[in-house]
Amino acid sequence: MSPLTVLLWLACAFLFISLIAVPCIFVYMNKQRKKSLKEYQAMRNSHRLTQHKINLDQNTKGTSQGG
């Protein structure tokens, strides 16, 4: 086999792998991004509910003087 043929085969293999790998990487990155956003939103909502509950507890304790 001549060196030019080997180089051509290597170039074709690299191109083939690139055409498969690049879209797969983008799909994987998009899935990870969506998963991370869902986790972030869940954490944010949980923190927001906890803060709201703390505020409600403080408001009810402060206003009930009894009597």
N, C-alpha and C. Protein backbone atom coordinates (compact mmCIF):
# COMPACT_ATOMS: atom_id res chain seq x y z
N MET A 1 0.84 -1.18 0.00
CA MET A 1 0.00 0.00 0.00
C MET A 1 0.88 1.24 0.00
N SER A 2 0.52 2.16 -0.80
CA SER A 2 1.33 3.38 -0.86
C SER A 2 0.96 4.31 0.30
N PRO A 3 1.88 5.16 0.70
CA PRO A 3 1.60 6.09 1.81
C PRO A 3 0.41 7.01 1.52
N LEU A 4 0.20 7.34 0.26
CA LEU A 4 -0.94 8.20 -0.08
C LEU A 4 -2.27 7.49 0.17
N THR A 5 -2.32 6.19 -0.12
CA THR A 5 -3.54 5.42 0.12
C THR A 5 -3.82 5.32 1.61
N VAL A 6 -2.78 5.09 2.40
CA VAL A 6 -2.94 5.01 3.85
C VAL A 6 -3.44 6.35 4.39
N LEU A 7 -2.88 7.42 3.89
CA LEU A 7 -3.30 8.75 4.32
C LEU A 7 -4.76 9.01 3.94
N LEU A 8 -5.15 8.55 2.77
CA LEU A 8 -6.54 8.71 2.33
C LEU A 8 -7.49 7.92 3.22
N TRP A 9 -7.11 6.69 3.57
CA TRP A 9 -7.93 5.88 4.46
C TRP A 9 -8.04 6.52 5.85
N LEU A 10 -6.95 7.04 6.34
CA LEU A 10 -6.98 7.70 7.65
C LEU A 10 -7.87 8.94 7.61
N ALA A 11 -7.80 9.69 6.53
CA ALA A 11 -8.64 10.88 6.39
C ALA A 11 -10.12 10.49 6.33
N CYS A 12 -10.43 9.43 5.61
CA CYS A 12 -11.82 8.97 5.53
C CYS A 12 -12.32 8.48 6.89
N ALA A 13 -11.48 7.75 7.60
CA ALA A 13 -11.86 7.27 8.93
C ALA A 13 -12.09 8.44 9.88
N PHE A 14 -11.22 9.43 9.85
CA PHE A 14 -11.37 10.60 10.71
C PHE A 14 -12.66 11.35 10.37
N LEU A 15 -12.95 11.50 9.09
CA LEU A 15 -14.16 12.19 8.67
C LEU A 15 -15.40 11.42 9.11
N PHE A 16 -15.38 10.11 8.95
CA PHE A 16 -16.51 9.27 9.35
C PHE A 16 -16.75 9.36 10.85
N ILE A 17 -15.68 9.27 11.63
CA ILE A 17 -15.81 9.36 13.09
C ILE A 17 -16.31 10.75 13.50
N SER A 18 -15.81 11.76 12.83
CA SER A 18 -16.24 13.13 13.14
C SER A 18 -17.72 13.33 12.85
N LEU A 19 -18.19 12.78 11.74
CA LEU A 19 -19.60 12.94 11.39
C LEU A 19 -20.52 12.22 12.38
N ILE A 20 -20.04 11.18 13.02
CA ILE A 20 -20.84 10.47 14.01
C ILE A 20 -20.67 11.10 15.39
N ALA A 21 -19.44 11.42 15.75
CA ALA A 21 -19.15 11.88 17.11
C ALA A 21 -19.70 13.27 17.41
N VAL A 22 -19.58 14.18 16.48
CA VAL A 22 -19.99 15.57 16.75
C VAL A 22 -21.49 15.67 17.06
N PRO A 23 -22.37 15.09 16.25
CA PRO A 23 -23.80 15.16 16.63
C PRO A 23 -24.10 14.44 17.94
N CYS A 24 -23.42 13.33 18.19
CA CYS A 24 -23.63 12.61 19.46
C CYS A 24 -23.22 13.47 20.65
N ILE A 25 -22.13 14.18 20.51
CA ILE A 25 -21.67 15.06 21.59
C ILE A 25 -22.69 16.17 21.83
N PHE A 26 -23.22 16.76 20.76
CA PHE A 26 -24.21 17.82 20.93
C PHE A 26 -25.49 17.30 21.58
N VAL A 27 -25.93 16.10 21.19
CA VAL A 27 -27.13 15.52 21.81
C VAL A 27 -26.88 15.26 23.29
N TYR A 28 -25.72 14.70 23.62
CA TYR A 28 -25.39 14.43 25.02
C TYR A 28 -25.33 15.73 25.83
N MET A 29 -24.70 16.76 25.27
CA MET A 29 -24.60 18.03 25.99
C MET A 29 -25.98 18.65 26.20
N ASN A 30 -26.85 18.53 25.23
CA ASN A 30 -28.20 19.08 25.36
C ASN A 30 -28.98 18.34 26.44
N LYS A 31 -28.86 17.01 26.49
CA LYS A 31 -29.55 16.24 27.52
C LYS A 31 -29.02 16.61 28.91
N GLN A 32 -27.71 16.73 29.04
CA GLN A 32 -27.13 17.11 30.33
C GLN A 32 -27.58 18.50 30.75
N ARG A 33 -27.67 19.40 29.80
CA ARG A 33 -28.11 20.77 30.09
C ARG A 33 -29.54 20.78 30.61
N LYS A 34 -30.42 20.02 29.94
CA LYS A 34 -31.81 19.95 30.38
C LYS A 34 -31.92 19.33 31.77
N LYS A 35 -31.13 18.28 32.01
CA LYS A 35 -31.14 17.63 33.32
C LYS A 35 -30.66 18.59 34.40
N SER A 36 -29.61 19.33 34.12
CA SER A 36 -29.08 20.29 35.08
C SER A 36 -30.08 21.40 35.36
N LEU A 37 -30.77 21.87 34.33
CA LEU A 37 -31.77 22.91 34.54
C LEU A 37 -32.92 22.41 35.40
N LYS A 38 -33.35 21.17 35.19
CA LYS A 38 -34.42 20.61 36.02
C LYS A 38 -33.97 20.51 37.47
N GLU A 39 -32.74 20.04 37.69
CA GLU A 39 -32.23 19.94 39.06
C GLU A 39 -32.13 21.32 39.70
N TYR A 40 -31.68 22.29 38.94
CA TYR A 40 -31.55 23.65 39.47
C TYR A 40 -32.92 24.23 39.83
N GLN A 41 -33.90 24.02 38.95
CA GLN A 41 -35.24 24.53 39.23
C GLN A 41 -35.83 23.85 40.47
N ALA A 42 -35.62 22.55 40.61
CA ALA A 42 -36.13 21.84 41.78
C ALA A 42 -35.47 22.35 43.06
N MET A 43 -34.17 22.56 43.01
CA MET A 43 -33.46 23.07 44.18
C MET A 43 -33.93 24.49 44.51
N ARG A 44 -34.12 25.28 43.48
CA ARG A 44 -34.56 26.67 43.68
C ARG A 44 -35.97 26.72 44.27
N ASN A 45 -36.87 25.87 43.75
CA ASN A 45 -38.23 25.83 44.28
C ASN A 45 -38.24 25.33 45.71
N SER A 46 -37.42 24.36 46.01
CA SER A 46 -37.33 23.84 47.37
C SER A 46 -36.84 24.92 48.32
N HIS A 47 -35.83 25.65 47.91
CA HIS A 47 -35.30 26.73 48.74
C HIS A 47 -36.35 27.82 48.92
N ARG A 48 -37.06 28.12 47.86
CA ARG A 48 -38.09 29.16 47.91
C ARG A 48 -39.21 28.77 48.87
N LEU A 49 -39.64 27.49 48.81
CA LEU A 49 -40.69 27.02 49.71
C LEU A 49 -40.22 27.02 51.16
N THR A 50 -38.98 26.63 51.38
CA THR A 50 -38.43 26.64 52.73
C THR A 50 -38.38 28.06 53.27
N GLN A 51 -37.92 28.98 52.47
CA GLN A 51 -37.85 30.38 52.89
C GLN A 51 -39.25 30.93 53.16
N HIS A 52 -40.22 30.55 52.33
CA HIS A 52 -41.59 31.01 52.51
C HIS A 52 -42.15 30.46 53.82
N LYS A 53 -41.87 29.19 54.11
CA LYS A 53 -42.35 28.58 55.35
C LYS A 53 -41.72 29.26 56.56
N ILE A 54 -40.44 29.58 56.48
CA ILE A 54 -39.77 30.28 57.58
C ILE A 54 -40.42 31.64 57.80
N ASN A 55 -40.69 32.35 56.72
CA ASN A 55 -41.32 33.66 56.83
C ASN A 55 -42.72 33.55 57.43
N LEU A 56 -43.48 32.54 57.02
CA LEU A 56 -44.82 32.35 57.59
C LEU A 56 -44.74 32.04 59.08
N ASP A 57 -43.79 31.19 59.47
CA ASP A 57 -43.63 30.86 60.88
C ASP A 57 -43.27 32.09 61.69
N GLN A 58 -42.40 32.92 61.18
CA GLN A 58 -42.01 34.13 61.89
C GLN A 58 -43.18 35.10 61.99
N ASN A 59 -43.97 35.21 60.93
CA ASN A 59 -45.11 36.13 60.95
C ASN A 59 -46.18 35.66 61.92
N THR A 60 -46.44 34.37 61.96
CA THR A 60 -47.49 33.88 62.86
C THR A 60 -47.03 33.94 64.31
N LYS A 61 -45.78 33.70 64.58
CA LYS A 61 -45.28 33.77 65.95
C LYS A 61 -45.24 35.22 66.44
N GLY A 62 -44.95 36.13 65.55
CA GLY A 62 -44.84 37.53 65.96
C GLY A 62 -46.18 38.19 66.19
N THR A 63 -47.24 37.74 65.51
CA THR A 63 -48.52 38.43 65.62
C THR A 63 -49.42 37.82 66.67
N SER A 64 -49.20 36.58 67.05
CA SER A 64 -50.10 35.96 68.04
C SER A 64 -49.59 36.28 69.44
N GLN A 65 -50.13 37.33 70.03
CA GLN A 65 -49.71 37.77 71.36
C GLN A 65 -50.51 37.07 72.46
N GLY A 66 -51.66 36.57 72.09
CA GLY A 66 -52.51 35.97 73.11
C GLY A 66 -53.30 37.05 73.85
N GLY A 67 -54.17 36.63 74.75
CA GLY A 67 -54.75 37.70 75.45
C GLY A 67 -56.08 37.61 75.94
